[in-house]
């Protein structure tokens, strides 16, 4: 697929991101990504990419192969993609994942061990999905988690006003 690279300032400093322009490729089911073609900023290469951002497409399931194309990936942004499911085996390939941004999708359930291999997660955004069930212990081992966005889901009452307050996130996790 085609992409552009750009520097992006996050709460963790400046990172190098891939912004996907050709979203048509993400309209396939069971998508496997085996290469990426695009231009880089001076002195940067595909090995420097820390984040991938895809927006406004259709992707029923999480694509495979991202970890092979982008070996340094620690940030994933799939918003407005109609993503219906994500599983532990999708995320286990990213042990250094720090940001998972999946707002405005069609996710319904977060399975029990979804983040089992992602202990470095700092920020999770799942707003405006259709989540009706989250396992009680799903966030237990995420000691670096400081921002959890879960509002506007079917089980939203438990998640209102959590946003960026680390103590509120910890309290909400204890309550779940």
Protein backbone atom coordinates (compact mmCIF):
# COMPACT_ATOMS: atom_id res chain seq x y z
CA UNK A 1 0.00 0.00 0.00
CA UNK A 2 1.03 3.61 -0.43
CA UNK A 3 1.94 5.78 2.53
CA UNK A 4 3.57 9.03 3.56
CA UNK A 5 5.87 9.47 6.51
CA UNK A 6 5.83 12.33 8.93
CA UNK A 7 7.26 13.25 12.29
CA UNK A 8 4.62 13.19 14.99
CA UNK A 9 4.82 14.65 18.46
CA UNK A 10 3.30 12.44 21.13
CA UNK A 11 3.35 12.55 24.90
CA UNK A 12 6.51 10.47 24.59
CA UNK A 13 8.38 12.88 22.30
CA UNK A 14 8.80 12.92 18.55
CA UNK A 15 8.22 9.67 16.66
CA UNK A 16 8.31 8.74 13.00
CA UNK A 17 4.91 7.64 11.63
CA UNK A 18 3.47 6.15 8.48
CA UNK A 19 0.19 7.65 7.33
CA UNK A 20 -1.56 5.37 4.83
CA UNK A 21 -2.97 7.15 1.80
CA UNK A 22 -4.18 4.19 -0.27
CA UNK A 23 -6.92 2.88 1.99
CA UNK A 24 -8.54 0.74 -0.69
CA UNK A 25 -6.13 -2.07 0.11
CA UNK A 26 -7.67 -2.25 3.59
CA UNK A 27 -11.06 -3.15 2.12
CA UNK A 28 -9.92 -6.77 1.78
CA UNK A 29 -10.86 -9.49 4.27
CA UNK A 30 -8.02 -11.33 6.02
CA UNK A 31 -5.53 -8.76 4.83
CA UNK A 32 -1.86 -9.69 5.00
CA UNK A 33 0.64 -6.90 4.52
CA UNK A 34 3.95 -8.01 3.05
CA UNK A 35 5.49 -4.74 1.88
CA UNK A 36 5.06 -0.98 1.88
CA UNK A 37 6.14 1.61 -0.67
CA UNK A 38 6.53 5.29 0.03
CA UNK A 39 8.85 8.21 0.49
CA UNK A 40 10.80 9.04 3.64
CA UNK A 41 12.03 12.15 5.35
CA UNK A 42 15.78 12.76 5.04
CA UNK A 43 17.88 10.14 6.83
CA UNK A 44 14.80 8.01 7.67
CA UNK A 45 13.82 4.56 6.44
CA UNK A 46 11.09 2.01 7.00
CA UNK A 47 13.09 0.66 9.96
CA UNK A 48 12.57 4.02 11.72
CA UNK A 49 8.76 3.87 11.61
CA UNK A 50 7.23 3.68 15.09
CA UNK A 51 3.59 4.23 14.22
CA UNK A 52 1.05 3.39 11.53
CA UNK A 53 -2.09 5.48 11.03
CA UNK A 54 -4.93 4.31 8.79
CA UNK A 55 -8.22 6.19 8.69
CA UNK A 56 -11.52 6.08 6.80
CA UNK A 57 -11.64 2.63 5.27
CA UNK A 58 -13.12 -0.78 5.86
CA UNK A 59 -11.19 -3.45 7.70
CA UNK A 60 -13.25 -6.21 9.32
CA UNK A 61 -10.27 -7.81 11.05
CA UNK A 62 -6.81 -6.76 12.13
CA UNK A 63 -4.27 -7.07 9.28
CA UNK A 64 -1.38 -9.51 9.64
CA UNK A 65 2.21 -8.82 8.65
CA UNK A 66 2.55 -5.29 10.08
CA UNK A 67 5.31 -6.46 12.43
CA UNK A 68 7.37 -7.74 9.47
CA UNK A 69 7.08 -4.55 7.44
CA UNK A 70 7.47 -2.19 10.42
CA UNK A 71 9.80 -3.90 12.93
CA UNK A 72 9.95 -0.90 15.32
CA UNK A 73 6.17 -0.41 15.53
CA UNK A 74 4.98 0.79 18.95
CA UNK A 75 1.90 2.81 17.94
CA UNK A 76 -1.15 1.66 15.98
CA UNK A 77 -3.93 4.00 14.87
CA UNK A 78 -6.90 2.48 13.02
CA UNK A 79 -9.78 4.92 13.23
CA UNK A 80 -13.04 4.98 11.28
CA UNK A 81 -12.08 1.60 9.79
CA UNK A 82 -15.18 -0.46 10.74
CA UNK A 83 -12.87 -2.89 12.53
CA UNK A 84 -15.11 -5.60 14.02
CA UNK A 85 -12.63 -7.74 15.92
CA UNK A 86 -9.20 -7.78 17.42
CA UNK A 87 -7.60 -10.75 19.12
CA UNK A 88 -4.64 -11.52 21.33
CA UNK A 89 -2.80 -13.18 18.42
CA UNK A 90 -3.07 -9.89 16.49
CA UNK A 91 -1.38 -7.89 19.23
CA UNK A 92 1.14 -10.41 20.59
CA UNK A 93 3.48 -9.54 17.73
CA UNK A 94 3.89 -6.06 19.25
CA UNK A 95 5.43 -6.52 22.72
CA UNK A 96 6.64 -2.90 22.69
CA UNK A 97 3.23 -1.45 21.81
CA UNK A 98 2.68 1.79 23.73
CA UNK A 99 -0.28 3.36 21.93
CA UNK A 100 -3.33 1.54 20.62
CA UNK A 101 -5.83 3.91 19.03
CA UNK A 102 -8.97 2.19 17.68
CA UNK A 103 -11.75 4.78 17.97
CA UNK A 104 -14.86 4.91 15.78
CA UNK A 105 -14.84 1.25 14.82
CA UNK A 106 -17.28 -1.64 15.31
CA UNK A 107 -15.54 -3.57 18.09
CA UNK A 108 -18.01 -5.40 20.36
CA UNK A 109 -15.96 -7.55 22.76
CA UNK A 110 -12.49 -7.28 24.25
CA UNK A 111 -11.36 -10.80 25.01
CA UNK A 112 -9.92 -11.76 28.37
CA UNK A 113 -6.22 -11.87 27.45
CA UNK A 114 -6.25 -9.31 24.65
CA UNK A 115 -3.30 -7.34 26.03
CA UNK A 116 -1.40 -10.28 27.56
CA UNK A 117 1.74 -9.59 25.49
CA UNK A 118 1.46 -5.78 25.54
CA UNK A 119 2.62 -4.87 29.03
CA UNK A 120 4.18 -1.63 27.79
CA UNK A 121 0.84 -0.08 26.75
CA UNK A 122 0.53 3.53 27.95
CA UNK A 123 -2.53 4.74 26.05
CA UNK A 124 -5.61 2.91 24.77
CA UNK A 125 -8.41 4.65 22.88
CA UNK A 126 -11.54 2.63 22.14
CA UNK A 127 -14.18 5.38 22.10
CA UNK A 128 -17.23 5.18 19.85
CA UNK A 129 -17.14 1.44 19.31
CA UNK A 130 -19.90 -1.02 20.18
CA UNK A 131 -18.17 -2.66 23.12
CA UNK A 132 -20.66 -4.36 25.40
CA UNK A 133 -18.28 -6.62 27.33
CA UNK A 134 -14.81 -6.18 28.80
CA UNK A 135 -13.26 -8.88 30.97
CA UNK A 136 -12.72 -7.79 34.57
CA UNK A 137 -8.96 -8.41 34.56
CA UNK A 138 -8.07 -7.20 31.09
CA UNK A 139 -6.00 -4.22 32.29
CA UNK A 140 -4.45 -5.75 35.44
CA UNK A 141 -0.89 -6.14 34.17
CA UNK A 142 -0.73 -2.83 32.27
CA UNK A 143 1.35 -0.96 34.85
CA UNK A 144 2.33 1.79 32.36
CA UNK A 145 -1.26 2.53 31.33
CA UNK A 146 -2.02 6.18 32.07
CA UNK A 147 -4.70 7.00 29.52
CA UNK A 148 -7.75 4.86 28.84
CA UNK A 149 -10.54 6.11 26.58
CA UNK A 150 -13.69 3.96 26.61
CA UNK A 151 -16.60 6.37 26.42
CA UNK A 152 -19.50 6.07 24.02
CA UNK A 153 -19.68 2.30 24.01
CA UNK A 154 -22.64 0.13 24.98
CA UNK A 155 -21.19 -0.28 28.47
CA UNK A 156 -20.25 3.39 28.67
CA UNK A 157 -21.70 4.10 32.12
CA UNK A 158 -18.61 2.60 33.77
CA UNK A 159 -16.26 4.67 31.67
CA UNK A 160 -17.59 8.23 31.65
CA UNK A 161 -15.04 10.92 32.50
CA UNK A 162 -12.03 8.58 32.81
CA UNK A 163 -10.01 10.15 29.97
CA UNK A 164 -6.51 11.25 31.04
CA UNK A 165 -6.48 10.95 34.83
CA UNK A 166 -4.15 8.10 35.84
CA UNK A 167 -5.70 7.73 39.29
CA UNK A 168 -9.19 7.49 37.80
CA UNK A 169 -7.94 4.83 35.38
CA UNK A 170 -6.43 2.84 38.25
CA UNK A 171 -9.65 3.15 40.24
CA UNK A 172 -11.77 2.08 37.28
CA UNK A 173 -9.52 -0.95 36.75
CA UNK A 174 -9.94 -1.92 40.42
CA UNK A 175 -13.72 -1.61 40.09
CA UNK A 176 -13.82 -3.81 36.99
